[in-house]
Amino acid sequence: MPSATRAVALALVLALAAACAGGGSETKPVRGPADVTVPESPAAMAASLTRVERALRSPSTRPGDVDRLGWEQQAAYRVLTAHPGWLDRVIRRLPADMQPVVTANDRAGRELQALGGEGTPPRHLPDWRIVSPLPVGVLRAYYGEAEAASGIPWAYLAAIHLVETRLGRIHAPSSAGARGPMQFLPATWARYGQGDINDNHDAILAAARLLQANGGPDDMNRALFRYNNSSHYVTAVESYAQLMLTDERAFLGYHGWQVYSATTKGSFLLPEGYPGTAAQKVSRPGG
């Protein structure tokens, strides 16, 4: 469903072009996603991503720290995508076990950037409603139920959910009329959906049916391409999915990822509760 994802992808790429960069003390209180300290150099980026990615994967990390780590992770990758010349220098500074993790996350971000394409930022923020995602355990159970019914590995469903609507945070139809947390066009939902198109549980199960009917799990690349006819989309989803299949705790970080968008006035964090809760402007790299 290329048109179903393109609006979200374009908003993400425009936001990446104005990705936040800050500075300040590592002891700065972190009350929300806009408060995290963002790496300002390749060396700082490598150190930050090593610390964050390892902490997310460690069973000893306190549950109360996971959301903050996810915010730091997302902010770092947004800046890395906005500075393509940094990648090789960052990778050289990483420990061997972190190199494939950072490479895969960066690749996914760049593929989504390419999917969004070039475009002039709109004058106004999108007419979206941003809600809190369901808890990790609930979503993981939904993905597992869908895997049991279809054979589609749970992580592919999580990756699609992440790319399409940030795990259900974005409530809005696409410009083509796609709806719900897995972004189904009405005609596609009529074929694969059961229940409520706007319900995370029902939409995840429908996505599994669609993927199964189009080659999955034996040929996930084909199945993903039928979900969205873009090689960029396929590579991004595959990258995120493989990271979660390698270490399930990777999903914990993605669960904290927020919604960013950009206009001619700059880049904005759309917090949970938006538009009732005001968007927060974030600074440009080096700005």
C-alpha atoms as a PDB file:
ATOM      1  CA  MET A   1       0.000   0.000   0.000  1.00  0.00           C
ATOM      2  CA  PRO A   2       2.492   2.656  -1.112  1.00  0.00           C
ATOM      3  CA  SER A   3       0.138   5.620  -0.861  1.00  0.00           C
ATOM      4  CA  ALA A   4      -0.916   4.547   2.626  1.00  0.00           C
ATOM      5  CA  THR A   5       2.616   4.960   3.945  1.00  0.00           C
ATOM      6  CA  ARG A   6       3.954   7.763   1.793  1.00  0.00           C
ATOM      7  CA  ALA A   7       2.362  10.597   3.789  1.00  0.00           C
ATOM      8  CA  VAL A   8       3.823   9.296   7.036  1.00  0.00           C
ATOM      9  CA  ALA A   9       7.195   8.632   5.420  1.00  0.00           C
ATOM     10  CA  LEU A  10       7.302  12.120   3.895  1.00  0.00           C
ATOM     11  CA  ALA A  11       6.543  13.670   7.270  1.00  0.00           C
ATOM     12  CA  LEU A  12       9.334  11.602   8.802  1.00  0.00           C
ATOM     13  CA  VAL A  13      11.895  12.557   6.161  1.00  0.00           C
ATOM     14  CA  LEU A  14      11.062  16.239   6.466  1.00  0.00           C
ATOM     15  CA  ALA A  15      11.473  15.951  10.213  1.00  0.00           C
ATOM     16  CA  LEU A  16      14.788  14.136   9.747  1.00  0.00           C
ATOM     17  CA  ALA A  17      16.038  16.998   7.615  1.00  0.00           C
ATOM     18  CA  ALA A  18      15.543  19.220  10.669  1.00  0.00           C
ATOM     19  CA  ALA A  19      16.585  16.591  13.210  1.00  0.00           C
ATOM     20  CA  CYS A  20      17.238  17.804  16.694  1.00  0.00           C
ATOM     21  CA  ALA A  21      20.713  18.427  18.069  1.00  0.00           C
ATOM     22  CA  GLY A  22      21.365  19.903  21.432  1.00  0.00           C
ATOM     23  CA  GLY A  23      24.195  19.726  23.882  1.00  0.00           C
ATOM     24  CA  GLY A  24      24.351  20.418  27.550  1.00  0.00           C
ATOM     25  CA  SER A  25      25.125  18.278  30.530  1.00  0.00           C
ATOM     26  CA  GLU A  26      24.528  14.551  30.661  1.00  0.00           C
ATOM     27  CA  THR A  27      22.900  15.183  34.060  1.00  0.00           C
ATOM     28  CA  LYS A  28      20.163  17.375  32.584  1.00  0.00           C
ATOM     29  CA  PRO A  29      16.804  16.139  33.912  1.00  0.00           C
ATOM     30  CA  VAL A  30      14.881  14.181  31.290  1.00  0.00           C
ATOM     31  CA  ARG A  31      11.158  14.759  31.695  1.00  0.00           C
ATOM     32  CA  GLY A  32      10.170  13.833  28.152  1.00  0.00           C
ATOM     33  CA  PRO A  33      11.454  13.081  24.639  1.00  0.00           C
ATOM     34  CA  ALA A  34      12.304  16.730  23.948  1.00  0.00           C
ATOM     35  CA  ASP A  35      14.716  16.819  26.920  1.00  0.00           C
ATOM     36  CA  VAL A  36      17.207  14.173  25.836  1.00  0.00           C
ATOM     37  CA  THR A  37      20.769  15.189  25.094  1.00  0.00           C
ATOM     38  CA  VAL A  38      21.637  14.582  21.444  1.00  0.00           C
ATOM     39  CA  PRO A  39      25.143  13.596  20.206  1.00  0.00           C
ATOM     40  CA  GLU A  40      26.925  16.410  18.378  1.00  0.00           C
ATOM     41  CA  SER A  41      29.867  14.518  16.855  1.00  0.00           C
ATOM     42  CA  PRO A  42      30.660  11.057  15.459  1.00  0.00           C
ATOM     43  CA  ALA A  43      32.589  10.159  18.611  1.00  0.00           C
ATOM     44  CA  ALA A  44      29.724  11.235  20.862  1.00  0.00           C
ATOM     45  CA  MET A  45      27.267   9.409  18.604  1.00  0.00           C
ATOM     46  CA  ALA A  46      29.208   6.137  18.826  1.00  0.00           C
ATOM     47  CA  ALA A  47      29.463   6.379  22.614  1.00  0.00           C
ATOM     48  CA  SER A  48      25.785   7.249  23.012  1.00  0.00           C
ATOM     49  CA  LEU A  49      24.489   4.485  20.739  1.00  0.00           C
ATOM     50  CA  THR A  50      26.750   1.879  22.365  1.00  0.00           C
ATOM     51  CA  ARG A  51      25.441   2.825  25.813  1.00  0.00           C
ATOM     52  CA  VAL A  52      21.787   3.006  24.750  1.00  0.00           C
ATOM     53  CA  GLU A  53      21.655  -0.120  22.570  1.00  0.00           C
ATOM     54  CA  ARG A  54      23.406  -2.221  25.206  1.00  0.00           C
ATOM     55  CA  ALA A  55      21.172  -0.937  27.989  1.00  0.00           C
ATOM     56  CA  LEU A  56      18.033  -1.699  25.998  1.00  0.00           C
ATOM     57  CA  ARG A  57      19.239  -5.266  25.525  1.00  0.00           C
ATOM     58  CA  SER A  58      20.252  -5.810  29.142  1.00  0.00           C
ATOM     59  CA  PRO A  59      17.765  -7.619  31.425  1.00  0.00           C
ATOM     60  CA  SER A  60      19.242  -5.644  34.331  1.00  0.00           C
ATOM     61  CA  THR A  61      18.006  -2.314  32.947  1.00  0.00           C
ATOM     62  CA  ARG A  62      15.274  -0.901  35.152  1.00  0.00           C
ATOM     63  CA  PRO A  63      11.848  -0.824  33.453  1.00  0.00           C
ATOM     64  CA  GLY A  64      11.522   2.835  34.401  1.00  0.00           C
ATOM     65  CA  ASP A  65      14.587   3.673  32.287  1.00  0.00           C
ATOM     66  CA  VAL A  66      13.405   1.999  29.082  1.00  0.00           C
ATOM     67  CA  ASP A  67      11.298   4.844  27.675  1.00  0.00           C
ATOM     68  CA  ARG A  68      14.126   7.354  28.174  1.00  0.00           C
ATOM     69  CA  LEU A  69      16.534   5.007  26.422  1.00  0.00           C
ATOM     70  CA  GLY A  70      14.106   4.714  23.513  1.00  0.00           C
ATOM     71  CA  TRP A  71      13.881   8.496  23.256  1.00  0.00           C
ATOM     72  CA  GLU A  72      17.684   8.781  23.256  1.00  0.00           C
ATOM     73  CA  GLN A  73      17.953   6.019  20.669  1.00  0.00           C
ATOM     74  CA  GLN A  74      15.486   7.659  18.293  1.00  0.00           C
ATOM     75  CA  ALA A  75      17.032  11.115  18.702  1.00  0.00           C
ATOM     76  CA  ALA A  76      20.495   9.743  17.934  1.00  0.00           C
ATOM     77  CA  TYR A  77      19.368   7.937  14.784  1.00  0.00           C
ATOM     78  CA  ARG A  78      17.489  11.013  13.581  1.00  0.00           C
ATOM     79  CA  VAL A  79      20.688  13.042  13.853  1.00  0.00           C
ATOM     80  CA  LEU A  80      22.759  10.284  12.239  1.00  0.00           C
ATOM     81  CA  THR A  81      20.369  10.178   9.278  1.00  0.00           C
ATOM     82  CA  ALA A  82      20.620  13.954   8.996  1.00  0.00           C
ATOM     83  CA  HIS A  83      24.462  13.678   8.884  1.00  0.00           C
ATOM     84  CA  PRO A  84      25.195  10.981   6.265  1.00  0.00           C
ATOM     85  CA  GLY A  85      28.899  11.827   6.318  1.00  0.00           C
ATOM     86  CA  TRP A  86      29.152  10.659   9.929  1.00  0.00           C
ATOM     87  CA  LEU A  87      28.217   7.023   9.393  1.00  0.00           C
ATOM     88  CA  ASP A  88      31.622   5.533   8.554  1.00  0.00           C
ATOM     89  CA  ARG A  89      33.292   7.439  11.404  1.00  0.00           C
ATOM     90  CA  VAL A  90      30.612   6.291  13.843  1.00  0.00           C
ATOM     91  CA  ILE A  91      30.857   2.649  12.751  1.00  0.00           C
ATOM     92  CA  ARG A  92      34.664   2.638  13.156  1.00  0.00           C
ATOM     93  CA  ARG A  93      34.272   3.776  16.767  1.00  0.00           C
ATOM     94  CA  LEU A  94      31.705   1.135  17.713  1.00  0.00           C
ATOM     95  CA  PRO A  95      32.477  -2.187  19.419  1.00  0.00           C
ATOM     96  CA  ALA A  96      32.126  -5.118  17.035  1.00  0.00           C
ATOM     97  CA  ASP A  97      28.837  -6.324  18.542  1.00  0.00           C
ATOM     98  CA  MET A  98      27.196  -2.920  18.039  1.00  0.00           C
ATOM     99  CA  GLN A  99      28.252  -2.365  14.435  1.00  0.00           C
ATOM    100  CA  PRO A 100      25.491  -4.503  12.826  1.00  0.00           C
ATOM    101  CA  VAL A 101      22.859  -3.036  15.172  1.00  0.00           C
ATOM    102  CA  VAL A 102      23.660   0.571  14.318  1.00  0.00           C
ATOM    103  CA  THR A 103      24.127  -0.227  10.634  1.00  0.00           C
ATOM    104  CA  ALA A 104      20.702  -1.872  10.406  1.00  0.00           C
ATOM    105  CA  ASN A 105      18.885   0.908  12.263  1.00  0.00           C
ATOM    106  CA  ASP A 106      20.589   3.560  10.163  1.00  0.00           C
ATOM    107  CA  ARG A 107      19.768   1.658   6.957  1.00  0.00           C
ATOM    108  CA  ALA A 108      16.096   1.491   7.918  1.00  0.00           C
ATOM    109  CA  GLY A 109      15.978   5.217   8.580  1.00  0.00           C
ATOM    110  CA  ARG A 110      17.603   6.048   5.261  1.00  0.00           C
ATOM    111  CA  GLU A 111      15.275   3.739   3.360  1.00  0.00           C
ATOM    112  CA  LEU A 112      12.266   5.469   4.931  1.00  0.00           C
ATOM    113  CA  GLN A 113      13.827   8.797   4.012  1.00  0.00           C
ATOM    114  CA  ALA A 114      14.094   7.618   0.412  1.00  0.00           C
ATOM    115  CA  LEU A 115      10.518   6.333   0.514  1.00  0.00           C
ATOM    116  CA  GLY A 116       9.294   9.754   1.594  1.00  0.00           C
ATOM    117  CA  GLY A 117      11.180  11.362  -1.275  1.00  0.00           C
ATOM    118  CA  GLU A 118      12.021  14.991  -1.704  1.00  0.00           C
ATOM    119  CA  GLY A 119       9.384  17.568  -1.021  1.00  0.00           C
ATOM    120  CA  THR A 120       8.713  21.028   0.270  1.00  0.00           C
ATOM    121  CA  PRO A 121       7.545  21.023   3.882  1.00  0.00           C
ATOM    122  CA  PRO A 122       3.876  21.897   4.314  1.00  0.00           C
ATOM    123  CA  ARG A 123       2.890  25.141   5.969  1.00  0.00           C
ATOM    124  CA  HIS A 124       0.955  23.419   8.733  1.00  0.00           C
ATOM    125  CA  LEU A 125       1.379  20.396  10.958  1.00  0.00           C
ATOM    126  CA  PRO A 126      -0.594  17.294   9.942  1.00  0.00           C
ATOM    127  CA  ASP A 127      -4.171  16.803  11.018  1.00  0.00           C
ATOM    128  CA  TRP A 128      -3.251  13.804  13.153  1.00  0.00           C
ATOM    129  CA  ARG A 129      -4.311  12.702  16.598  1.00  0.00           C
ATOM    130  CA  ILE A 130      -1.474  11.223  18.652  1.00  0.00           C
ATOM    131  CA  VAL A 131      -2.339   8.690  21.337  1.00  0.00           C
ATOM    132  CA  SER A 132      -0.358   6.521  23.716  1.00  0.00           C
ATOM    133  CA  PRO A 133       0.544   3.084  22.367  1.00  0.00           C
ATOM    134  CA  LEU A 134      -0.726  -0.048  24.046  1.00  0.00           C
ATOM    135  CA  PRO A 135       1.682  -1.533  26.615  1.00  0.00           C
ATOM    136  CA  VAL A 136       4.593  -3.636  25.390  1.00  0.00           C
ATOM    137  CA  GLY A 137       3.141  -6.857  26.751  1.00  0.00           C
ATOM    138  CA  VAL A 138      -0.224  -6.328  25.101  1.00  0.00           C
ATOM    139  CA  LEU A 139       1.256  -5.576  21.690  1.00  0.00           C
ATOM    140  CA  ARG A 140       3.690  -8.484  21.948  1.00  0.00           C
ATOM    141  CA  ALA A 141       0.744 -10.788  22.704  1.00  0.00           C
ATOM    142  CA  TYR A 142      -1.134  -9.508  19.629  1.00  0.00           C
ATOM    143  CA  TYR A 143       1.897 -10.111  17.395  1.00  0.00           C
ATOM    144  CA  GLY A 144       2.304 -13.575  18.879  1.00  0.00           C
ATOM    145  CA  GLU A 145      -1.345 -14.421  18.290  1.00  0.00           C
ATOM    146  CA  ALA A 146      -1.018 -13.329  14.676  1.00  0.00           C
ATOM    147  CA  GLU A 147       2.158 -15.378  14.249  1.00  0.00           C
ATOM    148  CA  ALA A 148       0.466 -18.468  15.643  1.00  0.00           C
ATOM    149  CA  ALA A 149      -2.424 -18.059  13.211  1.00  0.00           C
ATOM    150  CA  SER A 150      -0.399 -17.254  10.096  1.00  0.00           C
ATOM    151  CA  GLY A 151       3.220 -18.262  10.546  1.00  0.00           C
ATOM    152  CA  ILE A 152       4.356 -14.668   9.942  1.00  0.00           C
ATOM    153  CA  PRO A 153       7.180 -13.953  12.425  1.00  0.00           C
ATOM    154  CA  TRP A 154       5.978 -11.522  15.062  1.00  0.00           C
ATOM    155  CA  ALA A 155       8.779  -9.054  14.446  1.00  0.00           C
ATOM    156  CA  TYR A 156       7.625  -8.307  10.883  1.00  0.00           C
ATOM    157  CA  LEU A 157       4.231  -7.288  12.227  1.00  0.00           C
ATOM    158  CA  ALA A 158       5.888  -5.119  14.870  1.00  0.00           C
ATOM    159  CA  ALA A 159       8.105  -3.499  12.246  1.00  0.00           C
ATOM    160  CA  ILE A 160       5.149  -2.706   9.975  1.00  0.00           C
ATOM    161  CA  HIS A 161       3.259  -1.296  12.956  1.00  0.00           C
ATOM    162  CA  LEU A 162       6.278   0.871  13.821  1.00  0.00           C
ATOM    163  CA  VAL A 163       6.740   2.197  10.284  1.00  0.00           C
ATOM    164  CA  GLU A 164       3.072   2.788   9.536  1.00  0.00           C
ATOM    165  CA  THR A 165       1.847   4.567  12.677  1.00  0.00           C
ATOM    166  CA  ARG A 166       4.572   4.409  15.349  1.00  0.00           C
ATOM    167  CA  LEU A 167       2.877   1.396  16.964  1.00  0.00           C
ATOM    168  CA  GLY A 168      -0.567   2.931  16.780  1.00  0.00           C
ATOM    169  CA  ARG A 169       0.320   6.423  18.010  1.00  0.00           C
ATOM    170  CA  ILE A 170      -0.849   8.145  14.816  1.00  0.00           C
ATOM    171  CA  HIS A 171      -4.616   8.224  14.365  1.00  0.00           C
ATOM    172  CA  ALA A 172      -5.415   9.626  10.939  1.00  0.00           C
ATOM    173  CA  PRO A 173      -6.324   8.414   7.452  1.00  0.00           C
ATOM    174  CA  SER A 174      -3.684   8.709   4.749  1.00  0.00           C
ATOM    175  CA  SER A 175      -4.151  10.964   1.745  1.00  0.00           C
ATOM    176  CA  ALA A 176      -5.280   7.851  -0.158  1.00  0.00           C
ATOM    177  CA  GLY A 177      -7.816   6.902   2.507  1.00  0.00           C
ATOM    178  CA  ALA A 178      -5.850   4.155   4.266  1.00  0.00           C
ATOM    179  CA  ARG A 179      -6.955   3.773   7.853  1.00  0.00           C
ATOM    180  CA  GLY A 180      -6.041   2.257  11.155  1.00  0.00           C
ATOM    181  CA  PRO A 181      -2.803   1.363  12.928  1.00  0.00           C
ATOM    182  CA  MET A 182      -1.641  -0.910  10.077  1.00  0.00           C
ATOM    183  CA  GLN A 183      -2.917   1.481   7.355  1.00  0.00           C
ATOM    184  CA  PHE A 184      -5.376  -0.545   5.311  1.00  0.00           C
ATOM    185  CA  LEU A 185      -7.193   0.763   2.285  1.00  0.00           C
ATOM    186  CA  PRO A 186     -10.914  -0.047   2.625  1.00  0.00           C
ATOM    187  CA  ALA A 187     -10.851  -2.505  -0.290  1.00  0.00           C
ATOM    188  CA  THR A 188      -7.907  -4.388   1.200  1.00  0.00           C
ATOM    189  CA  TRP A 189      -9.563  -4.451   4.608  1.00  0.00           C
ATOM    190  CA  ALA A 190     -12.715  -5.883   3.064  1.00  0.00           C
ATOM    191  CA  ARG A 191     -10.623  -8.814   1.848  1.00  0.00           C
ATOM    192  CA  TYR A 192      -8.389  -9.478   4.860  1.00  0.00           C
ATOM    193  CA  GLY A 193      -9.919  -7.664   7.811  1.00  0.00           C
ATOM    194  CA  GLN A 194     -12.243  -8.908  10.504  1.00  0.00           C
ATOM    195  CA  GLY A 195     -13.623  -6.586  13.160  1.00  0.00           C
ATOM    196  CA  ASP A 196     -12.561  -2.949  13.517  1.00  0.00           C
ATOM    197  CA  ILE A 197     -10.022  -1.435  11.126  1.00  0.00           C
ATOM    198  CA  ASN A 198      -9.010   1.040  13.851  1.00  0.00           C
ATOM    199  CA  ASP A 199      -8.385  -1.633  16.491  1.00  0.00           C
ATOM    200  CA  ASN A 200      -4.738  -2.649  16.934  1.00  0.00           C
ATOM    201  CA  HIS A 201      -5.575  -6.303  17.598  1.00  0.00           C
ATOM    202  CA  ASP A 202      -7.852  -6.680  14.581  1.00  0.00           C
ATOM    203  CA  ALA A 203      -5.514  -4.756  12.275  1.00  0.00           C
ATOM    204  CA  ILE A 204      -2.430  -6.774  13.275  1.00  0.00           C
ATOM    205  CA  LEU A 205      -4.257 -10.050  12.570  1.00  0.00           C
ATOM    206  CA  ALA A 206      -5.419  -8.686   9.210  1.00  0.00           C
ATOM    207  CA  ALA A 207      -1.871  -7.678   8.297  1.00  0.00           C
ATOM    208  CA  ALA A 208      -0.717 -11.217   9.042  1.00  0.00           C
ATOM    209  CA  ARG A 209      -3.423 -12.610   6.735  1.00  0.00           C
ATOM    210  CA  LEU A 210      -2.382 -10.242   3.958  1.00  0.00           C
ATOM    211  CA  LEU A 211       1.284 -11.213   4.292  1.00  0.00           C
ATOM    212  CA  GLN A 212       0.446 -14.922   4.400  1.00  0.00           C
ATOM    213  CA  ALA A 213      -1.714 -14.635   1.279  1.00  0.00           C
ATOM    214  CA  ASN A 214       1.150 -12.970  -0.585  1.00  0.00           C
ATOM    215  CA  GLY A 215       4.003 -15.367   0.083  1.00  0.00           C
ATOM    216  CA  GLY A 216       4.784 -15.163   3.761  1.00  0.00           C
ATOM    217  CA  PRO A 217       6.389 -16.559   5.743  1.00  0.00           C
ATOM    218  CA  ASP A 218       8.345 -18.421   3.038  1.00  0.00           C
ATOM    219  CA  ASP A 219       9.030 -15.308   0.960  1.00  0.00           C
ATOM    220  CA  MET A 220       8.780 -12.296   3.227  1.00  0.00           C
ATOM    221  CA  ASN A 221      10.325  -9.912   0.709  1.00  0.00           C
ATOM    222  CA  ARG A 222       7.535 -10.699  -1.753  1.00  0.00           C
ATOM    223  CA  ALA A 223       4.902 -10.428   0.964  1.00  0.00           C
ATOM    224  CA  LEU A 224       6.230  -7.072   2.159  1.00  0.00           C
ATOM    225  CA  PHE A 225       6.398  -5.745  -1.392  1.00  0.00           C
ATOM    226  CA  ARG A 226       2.734  -6.589  -1.827  1.00  0.00           C
ATOM    227  CA  TYR A 227       1.995  -4.746   1.409  1.00  0.00           C
ATOM    228  CA  ASN A 228       3.746  -1.681   0.002  1.00  0.00           C
ATOM    229  CA  ASN A 229       5.141  -1.718  -3.524  1.00  0.00           C
ATOM    230  CA  SER A 230       8.463  -0.149  -2.626  1.00  0.00           C
ATOM    231  CA  SER A 231      11.871  -1.726  -2.228  1.00  0.00           C
ATOM    232  CA  HIS A 232      12.677   1.025   0.283  1.00  0.00           C
ATOM    233  CA  TYR A 233       9.754  -0.088   2.432  1.00  0.00           C
ATOM    234  CA  VAL A 234      10.757  -3.740   2.200  1.00  0.00           C
ATOM    235  CA  THR A 235      14.341  -3.024   3.278  1.00  0.00           C
ATOM    236  CA  ALA A 236      13.277  -0.795   6.183  1.00  0.00           C
ATOM    237  CA  VAL A 237      10.786  -3.300   7.570  1.00  0.00           C
ATOM    238  CA  GLU A 238      13.220  -6.183   7.053  1.00  0.00           C
ATOM    239  CA  SER A 239      15.961  -4.288   8.900  1.00  0.00           C
ATOM    240  CA  TYR A 240      13.830  -3.536  11.942  1.00  0.00           C
ATOM    241  CA  ALA A 241      12.348  -7.039  11.965  1.00  0.00           C
ATOM    242  CA  GLN A 242      15.706  -8.781  11.873  1.00  0.00           C
ATOM    243  CA  LEU A 243      16.989  -6.687  14.758  1.00  0.00           C
ATOM    244  CA  MET A 244      13.989  -7.748  16.861  1.00  0.00           C
ATOM    245  CA  LEU A 245      14.337 -11.388  15.829  1.00  0.00           C
ATOM    246  CA  THR A 246      18.008 -11.291  16.843  1.00  0.00           C
ATOM    247  CA  ASP A 247      17.150  -9.784  20.233  1.00  0.00           C
ATOM    248  CA  GLU A 248      13.517  -9.391  21.245  1.00  0.00           C
ATOM    249  CA  ARG A 249      14.405  -6.603  23.659  1.00  0.00           C
ATOM    250  CA  ALA A 250      15.065  -4.340  20.675  1.00  0.00           C
ATOM    251  CA  PHE A 251      11.286  -3.877  20.571  1.00  0.00           C
ATOM    252  CA  LEU A 252      11.467  -2.088  23.921  1.00  0.00           C
ATOM    253  CA  GLY A 253      13.378   0.796  22.395  1.00  0.00           C
ATOM    254  CA  TYR A 254      11.076   1.134  19.407  1.00  0.00           C
ATOM    255  CA  HIS A 255       8.080   1.196  21.741  1.00  0.00           C
ATOM    256  CA  GLY A 256       9.349   4.544  23.040  1.00  0.00           C
ATOM    257  CA  TRP A 257       9.827   6.154  19.626  1.00  0.00           C
ATOM    258  CA  GLN A 258       7.840   9.321  19.155  1.00  0.00           C
ATOM    259  CA  VAL A 259       6.128  11.124  16.262  1.00  0.00           C
ATOM    260  CA  TYR A 260       7.989  13.980  14.572  1.00  0.00           C
ATOM    261  CA  SER A 261       6.829  16.176  11.735  1.00  0.00           C
ATOM    262  CA  ALA A 262       8.069  19.270   9.936  1.00  0.00           C
ATOM    263  CA  THR A 263       6.641  22.413   8.397  1.00  0.00           C
ATOM    264  CA  THR A 264       8.110  25.508   6.798  1.00  0.00           C
ATOM    265  CA  LYS A 265       8.515  26.783  10.379  1.00  0.00           C
ATOM    266  CA  GLY A 266      10.720  23.909  11.519  1.00  0.00           C
ATOM    267  CA  SER A 267      10.651  20.414  12.990  1.00  0.00           C
ATOM    268  CA  PHE A 268       8.210  19.456  15.736  1.00  0.00           C
ATOM    269  CA  LEU A 269       7.639  16.670  18.222  1.00  0.00           C
ATOM    270  CA  LEU A 270       3.964  15.706  18.240  1.00  0.00           C
ATOM    271  CA  PRO A 271       3.482  14.433  21.794  1.00  0.00           C
ATOM    272  CA  GLU A 272       0.900  11.957  22.946  1.00  0.00           C
ATOM    273  CA  GLY A 273      -2.276  13.985  23.363  1.00  0.00           C
ATOM    274  CA  TYR A 274      -1.647  16.147  20.283  1.00  0.00           C
ATOM    275  CA  PRO A 275      -3.414  18.313  19.137  1.00  0.00           C
ATOM    276  CA  GLY A 276      -4.850  18.858  22.617  1.00  0.00           C
ATOM    277  CA  THR A 277      -1.246  18.886  23.826  1.00  0.00           C
ATOM    278  CA  ALA A 278       0.810  21.419  21.881  1.00  0.00           C
ATOM    279  CA  ALA A 279       3.509  20.367  19.449  1.00  0.00           C
ATOM    280  CA  GLN A 280       7.043  21.073  20.656  1.00  0.00           C
ATOM    281  CA  LYS A 281       9.509  22.677  18.278  1.00  0.00           C
ATOM    282  CA  VAL A 282      12.920  21.017  18.173  1.00  0.00           C
ATOM    283  CA  SER A 283      16.163  22.633  17.090  1.00  0.00           C
ATOM    284  CA  ARG A 284      18.023  21.986  13.879  1.00  0.00           C
ATOM    285  CA  PRO A 285      21.448  20.292  13.818  1.00  0.00           C
ATOM    286  CA  GLY A 286      23.972  22.720  15.188  1.00  0.00           C
ATOM    287  CA  GLY A 287      21.218  25.261  15.809  1.00  0.00           C
END
